[in-house]
Protein backbone atom coordinates (compact mmCIF):
# COMPACT_ATOMS: atom_id res chain seq x y z
CA MET A 1 14.79 -7.48 19.00
CA THR A 2 11.70 -9.62 18.31
CA LEU A 3 10.01 -9.86 14.92
CA HIS A 4 6.97 -8.07 16.38
CA ALA A 5 9.19 -5.19 17.47
CA ASP A 6 10.74 -5.10 14.00
CA LEU A 7 7.28 -5.01 12.41
CA THR A 8 6.39 -1.99 14.52
CA ARG A 9 9.69 -0.20 13.89
CA VAL A 10 9.68 -0.69 10.11
CA LEU A 11 6.01 0.23 9.88
CA LYS A 12 6.70 3.48 11.74
CA ASP A 13 9.67 4.20 9.44
CA THR A 14 7.68 3.61 6.25
CA SER A 15 4.20 5.04 6.81
CA ARG A 16 3.14 8.27 8.44
CA THR A 17 -0.44 7.71 7.20
CA PHE A 18 -1.05 4.18 8.45
CA PHE A 19 1.21 3.72 11.47
CA ILE A 20 -1.14 5.35 13.99
CA PRO A 21 -4.41 3.71 12.85
CA ILE A 22 -2.71 0.30 12.70
CA ALA A 23 -1.13 0.81 16.13
CA ARG A 24 -4.61 1.42 17.59
CA LEU A 25 -6.08 -1.87 16.36
CA PRO A 26 -6.67 -4.92 18.61
CA ALA A 27 -3.42 -6.87 19.01
CA ARG A 28 -3.94 -9.82 16.63
CA LEU A 29 -5.56 -7.64 13.98
CA GLN A 30 -2.82 -5.04 14.41
CA GLU A 31 -0.04 -7.50 13.66
CA THR A 32 -1.87 -9.01 10.69
CA VAL A 33 -2.63 -5.67 9.06
CA ALA A 34 0.93 -4.51 9.74
CA CYS A 35 2.49 -7.53 8.05
CA ALA A 36 0.09 -7.20 5.08
CA TYR A 37 0.92 -3.49 4.77
CA LEU A 38 4.67 -4.15 4.87
CA CYS A 39 4.39 -6.85 2.20
CA MET A 40 2.60 -4.42 -0.11
CA ARG A 41 5.09 -1.69 0.73
CA ALA A 42 7.97 -4.07 -0.03
CA ILE A 43 6.62 -4.47 -3.58
CA ASP A 44 5.92 -0.76 -3.91
CA GLU A 45 9.51 0.13 -2.99
CA ILE A 46 10.76 -1.93 -5.95
CA GLU A 47 8.28 -0.30 -8.33
CA ASP A 48 9.20 3.23 -7.18
CA HIS A 49 12.95 2.75 -6.72
CA PRO A 50 14.86 5.57 -8.45
CA GLY A 51 18.04 3.49 -8.74
CA LEU A 52 16.55 0.61 -10.74
CA ASP A 53 15.67 0.70 -14.43
CA ASP A 54 12.28 -0.57 -15.58
CA THR A 55 13.68 -3.82 -16.97
CA THR A 56 15.36 -4.68 -13.66
CA LYS A 57 12.18 -3.83 -11.78
CA GLY A 58 10.28 -6.23 -14.02
CA VAL A 59 12.82 -8.99 -13.42
CA LEU A 60 12.68 -8.54 -9.65
CA LEU A 61 8.90 -8.31 -9.48
CA HIS A 62 8.31 -11.29 -11.78
CA GLY A 63 10.95 -13.28 -9.92
CA LEU A 64 9.33 -12.92 -6.51
CA GLY A 65 6.16 -14.74 -7.49
CA PRO A 66 7.58 -18.20 -8.21
CA ILE A 67 9.69 -18.14 -5.03
CA LEU A 68 6.71 -17.27 -2.86
CA GLN A 69 4.42 -19.74 -4.62
CA ALA A 70 6.93 -22.53 -4.06
CA HIS A 71 7.06 -21.92 -0.31
CA LEU A 72 3.43 -21.10 0.49
CA GLY A 73 2.10 -23.81 2.78
CA VAL A 74 5.31 -25.84 2.67
CA GLY A 75 6.34 -26.20 6.29
CA ASN A 76 7.31 -22.93 7.92
CA ALA A 77 7.30 -19.74 5.87
CA HIS A 78 10.91 -19.20 6.89
CA THR A 79 11.93 -22.06 4.57
CA GLY A 80 11.91 -19.53 1.73
CA LEU A 81 14.09 -16.95 3.45
CA ALA A 82 17.39 -18.35 2.21
CA GLU A 83 16.12 -18.35 -1.37
CA LEU A 84 14.85 -14.79 -1.00
CA ASP A 85 18.20 -13.71 0.44
CA LEU A 86 19.96 -15.17 -2.59
CA PHE A 87 17.44 -13.59 -4.96
CA PHE A 88 17.93 -10.12 -3.47
CA SER A 89 21.69 -10.40 -2.91
CA PRO A 90 22.76 -8.41 -6.03
CA TYR A 91 20.57 -5.52 -4.87
CA ARG A 92 21.11 -5.74 -1.13
CA SER A 93 22.99 -2.46 -1.00
CA ILE A 94 20.19 -0.44 -2.63
CA LEU A 95 16.91 -2.07 -1.67
CA PRO A 96 15.35 -0.91 1.62
CA GLU A 97 14.89 -3.12 4.67
CA VAL A 98 11.14 -3.35 4.15
CA THR A 99 11.74 -5.09 0.80
CA LEU A 100 14.69 -7.26 1.78
CA ARG A 101 12.70 -8.67 4.72
CA ILE A 102 9.49 -9.48 2.87
CA GLY A 103 9.93 -13.12 3.95
CA ASP A 104 9.87 -12.06 7.60
CA TRP A 105 6.65 -10.09 7.13
CA LEU A 106 4.99 -12.99 5.32
CA SER A 107 6.07 -15.43 8.02
CA SER A 108 4.40 -13.31 10.70
CA ALA A 109 0.87 -13.62 9.25
CA PRO A 110 -1.41 -15.95 11.26
CA SER A 111 -1.61 -19.32 9.51
CA ASP A 112 -5.35 -19.17 8.79
CA ILE A 113 -5.14 -15.84 6.91
CA ALA A 114 -1.55 -16.19 5.64
CA PRO A 115 -2.50 -17.75 2.27
CA ARG A 116 -4.60 -14.68 1.42
CA VAL A 117 -1.73 -12.33 2.36
CA TRP A 118 0.75 -14.38 0.33
CA ASP A 119 -1.60 -14.52 -2.66
CA ALA A 120 -2.15 -10.75 -2.54
CA THR A 121 1.61 -10.17 -2.38
CA ILE A 122 2.26 -12.43 -5.37
CA ALA A 123 -0.53 -10.74 -7.35
CA MET A 124 0.75 -7.28 -6.43
CA ALA A 125 4.24 -8.17 -7.67
CA GLU A 126 2.86 -9.34 -11.01
CA ARG A 127 0.70 -6.25 -11.46
CA MET A 128 3.60 -3.93 -10.64
CA ALA A 129 5.84 -5.84 -13.05
CA TYR A 130 3.30 -5.16 -15.80
CA TRP A 131 3.27 -1.43 -15.11
CA ALA A 132 7.06 -1.18 -14.86
CA GLU A 133 7.63 -3.10 -18.08
CA ASN A 134 5.07 -0.91 -19.84
CA HIS A 135 6.67 2.24 -18.42
CA TRP A 136 3.45 3.29 -16.66
CA GLN A 137 1.72 4.22 -19.91
CA ILE A 138 -1.49 5.89 -18.75
CA GLN A 139 -3.42 7.47 -21.60
CA THR A 140 -7.02 7.39 -20.38
CA GLU A 141 -9.00 7.52 -17.16
CA ALA A 142 -9.60 3.79 -17.59
CA ASP A 143 -5.82 3.28 -17.55
CA LEU A 144 -5.63 5.38 -14.39
CA ASP A 145 -8.39 3.29 -12.81
CA GLY A 146 -6.40 0.19 -13.69
CA TYR A 147 -3.22 1.52 -12.14
CA THR A 148 -4.82 2.85 -8.96
CA PHE A 149 -6.61 -0.48 -8.50
CA SER A 150 -3.37 -2.39 -9.04
CA VAL A 151 -1.38 -0.44 -6.49
CA ALA A 152 -4.03 0.48 -3.90
CA GLY A 153 -7.59 -0.64 -4.64
CA ALA A 154 -6.60 -4.29 -4.48
CA VAL A 155 -5.00 -3.63 -1.09
CA GLY A 156 -8.40 -2.38 0.08
CA LEU A 157 -9.89 -5.75 -0.88
CA LEU A 158 -7.20 -7.56 1.10
CA ILE A 159 -8.02 -5.44 4.14
CA CYS A 160 -11.70 -6.40 3.74
CA ASP A 161 -10.74 -10.07 3.81
CA ILE A 162 -8.57 -9.58 6.90
CA TRP A 163 -11.44 -7.92 8.77
CA GLY A 164 -13.80 -10.69 7.74
CA TRP A 165 -11.31 -13.24 9.04
CA PHE A 166 -10.79 -11.35 12.30
CA ASP A 167 -14.34 -10.66 13.46
CA GLY A 168 -16.74 -11.45 10.62
CA THR A 169 -17.22 -7.79 9.69
CA ALA A 170 -18.55 -7.51 6.14
CA ILE A 171 -16.96 -4.43 4.55
CA ASP A 172 -18.36 -2.70 1.47
CA ARG A 173 -15.75 -3.91 -1.01
CA MET A 174 -16.37 -1.16 -3.56
CA CYS A 175 -15.89 1.38 -0.78
CA ALA A 176 -12.55 -0.24 -0.02
CA VAL A 177 -11.50 0.01 -3.68
CA GLN A 178 -12.52 3.68 -3.83
CA PHE A 179 -10.63 4.28 -0.57
CA GLY A 180 -7.47 2.88 -2.15
CA ARG A 181 -7.94 4.74 -5.42
CA GLY A 182 -8.53 8.04 -3.67
CA LEU A 183 -5.43 7.71 -1.49
CA GLN A 184 -3.31 6.76 -4.48
CA ALA A 185 -4.54 9.76 -6.48
CA VAL A 186 -3.50 12.02 -3.60
CA ASN A 187 -0.06 10.38 -3.65
CA ILE A 188 0.17 11.02 -7.40
CA LEU A 189 -0.54 14.71 -6.87
CA ARG A 190 1.81 14.96 -3.89
CA ASN A 191 4.67 13.22 -5.72
CA ARG A 192 4.11 14.87 -9.10
CA LYS A 193 7.51 16.58 -9.27
CA GLU A 194 9.50 13.54 -8.13
CA ASP A 195 7.67 11.31 -10.61
CA THR A 196 8.26 13.78 -13.43
CA ASP A 197 11.96 13.97 -12.55
CA ARG A 198 12.25 10.18 -12.95
CA GLY A 199 10.33 10.25 -16.23
CA VAL A 200 7.02 8.83 -15.01
CA ASN A 201 3.66 10.46 -15.71
CA PHE A 202 0.53 9.04 -14.07
CA PHE A 203 -1.74 11.71 -15.59
CA PRO A 204 -3.93 10.59 -18.53
CA ALA A 205 -3.33 12.44 -21.81
CA GLY A 206 -4.55 16.02 -21.62
CA TRP A 207 -5.13 15.97 -17.86
CA THR A 208 -4.14 18.88 -15.67
CA ASP A 209 -3.85 19.00 -11.89
CA LYS A 210 -7.51 20.05 -11.84
CA HIS A 211 -8.57 16.76 -13.46
CA MET A 212 -6.55 14.74 -10.96
CA PHE A 213 -7.99 16.72 -8.04
CA THR A 214 -11.48 15.90 -9.34
CA TYR A 215 -10.59 12.22 -9.69
CA ALA A 216 -9.12 12.08 -6.18
CA ARG A 217 -12.07 13.85 -4.59
CA LYS A 218 -14.59 11.69 -6.44
CA ASN A 219 -13.06 8.52 -5.02
CA LEU A 220 -12.49 9.94 -1.54
CA ASP A 221 -16.09 11.20 -1.41
CA LEU A 222 -17.43 7.79 -2.46
CA ALA A 223 -15.25 6.11 0.15
CA ARG A 224 -16.36 8.61 2.79
CA ALA A 225 -20.04 7.95 1.99
CA GLY A 226 -19.44 4.23 2.40
CA VAL A 227 -17.61 4.66 5.69
CA ILE A 228 -20.34 6.91 7.13
CA SER A 229 -22.92 4.21 6.49
CA MET A 230 -20.88 1.57 8.34
CA PRO A 231 -21.56 0.64 11.95
CA LYS A 232 -18.87 1.87 14.31
CA SER A 233 -16.16 -0.74 14.18
CA SER A 234 -12.41 -1.14 14.12
CA PHE A 235 -12.52 -0.81 10.31
CA LYS A 236 -14.29 2.55 10.47
CA TYR A 237 -11.71 3.85 12.93
CA PHE A 238 -8.91 2.43 10.76
CA VAL A 239 -9.96 4.25 7.57
CA ASP A 240 -11.07 7.51 9.21
CA ILE A 241 -7.53 8.81 9.83
CA PRO A 242 -6.13 8.08 6.33
CA LEU A 243 -9.24 9.64 4.77
CA LEU A 244 -8.91 12.78 6.88
CA LEU A 245 -5.19 13.02 6.09
CA ALA A 246 -5.84 12.54 2.36
CA GLU A 247 -8.56 15.21 2.31
CA ALA A 248 -6.38 17.66 4.24
CA THR A 249 -3.40 16.93 1.97
CA LEU A 250 -5.49 17.71 -1.12
CA ASN A 251 -6.42 21.06 0.40
CA ALA A 252 -2.78 21.77 1.25
CA ILE A 253 -1.63 20.97 -2.30
CA GLU A 254 -4.36 23.17 -3.78
CA ASN A 255 -3.24 26.00 -1.53
CA GLY A 256 0.35 25.61 -2.69
CA VAL A 257 1.66 24.21 0.61
CA GLY A 258 2.46 20.78 -0.76
CA LYS A 259 2.22 18.76 2.42
CA LEU A 260 0.82 18.87 5.93
CA SER A 261 2.90 20.07 8.84
CA ARG A 262 3.54 17.74 11.75
CA GLU A 263 1.23 19.89 13.87
CA GLN A 264 -1.59 19.52 11.33
CA VAL A 265 -1.08 15.77 11.21
CA MET A 266 -1.24 15.50 15.00
CA GLN A 267 -4.41 17.59 15.10
CA ILE A 268 -6.04 15.16 12.67
CA VAL A 269 -4.93 11.89 14.25
CA GLY A 270 -5.70 13.07 17.78
CA PRO A 271 -4.22 11.67 20.98
CA ALA A 272 -3.35 7.99 21.23
CA THR A 273 -6.01 5.89 22.90
């Protein structure tokens, strides 16, 4: 199986929200966004892993940065694969494929945008190490803004840079941050029970579900306003589906359903084009 086929397979296995909009992008953009998404997801899987304690998460996340920095721009990206294999070897039985193969995803980025993808991956690992080591202490809305930027808003900025590289499209960068924050707030609400079971609370002190719904809708509405004002482009089509899914998921959670059915998801995403 080719690396491109692996990218597609792992993306489909890891993201119901983004697989379809990514699959509908022009070929070169599709592969670049897919590899960037999988790199971010690789980091996220360490941060969220229920079988790792916070100290171990910090060690893994801090450790990735120096390895990636040492191999960025030095010959072929695959030169770092052996070192990454050794680094992950004690955890090979518990870490998912998307994390263990982060070197493959990085190596698939086109050379002229690869440094930005690598830099974003290194930065994401450091930010997630901070939150793990501080046990996700979120006391205020400012703390929540910091966390949602770290895990999702910054990814929106990376996507802006990828679009600018691909076709010169200038994306409203604040809209992209709000897009990421809104989606992450929906994830926090959707995963509330699982997070509580593992001892993590992303709600600021004194917040109820109602406060988090308001926060999520505020960011989604701001992102939606920004998207509406954009000319029709591949970026607009890319964000439309995740926004619609996030808005529908909020409604489902409020109505006590918890998540969308497969039929609801297919109604939203529409037929493949």
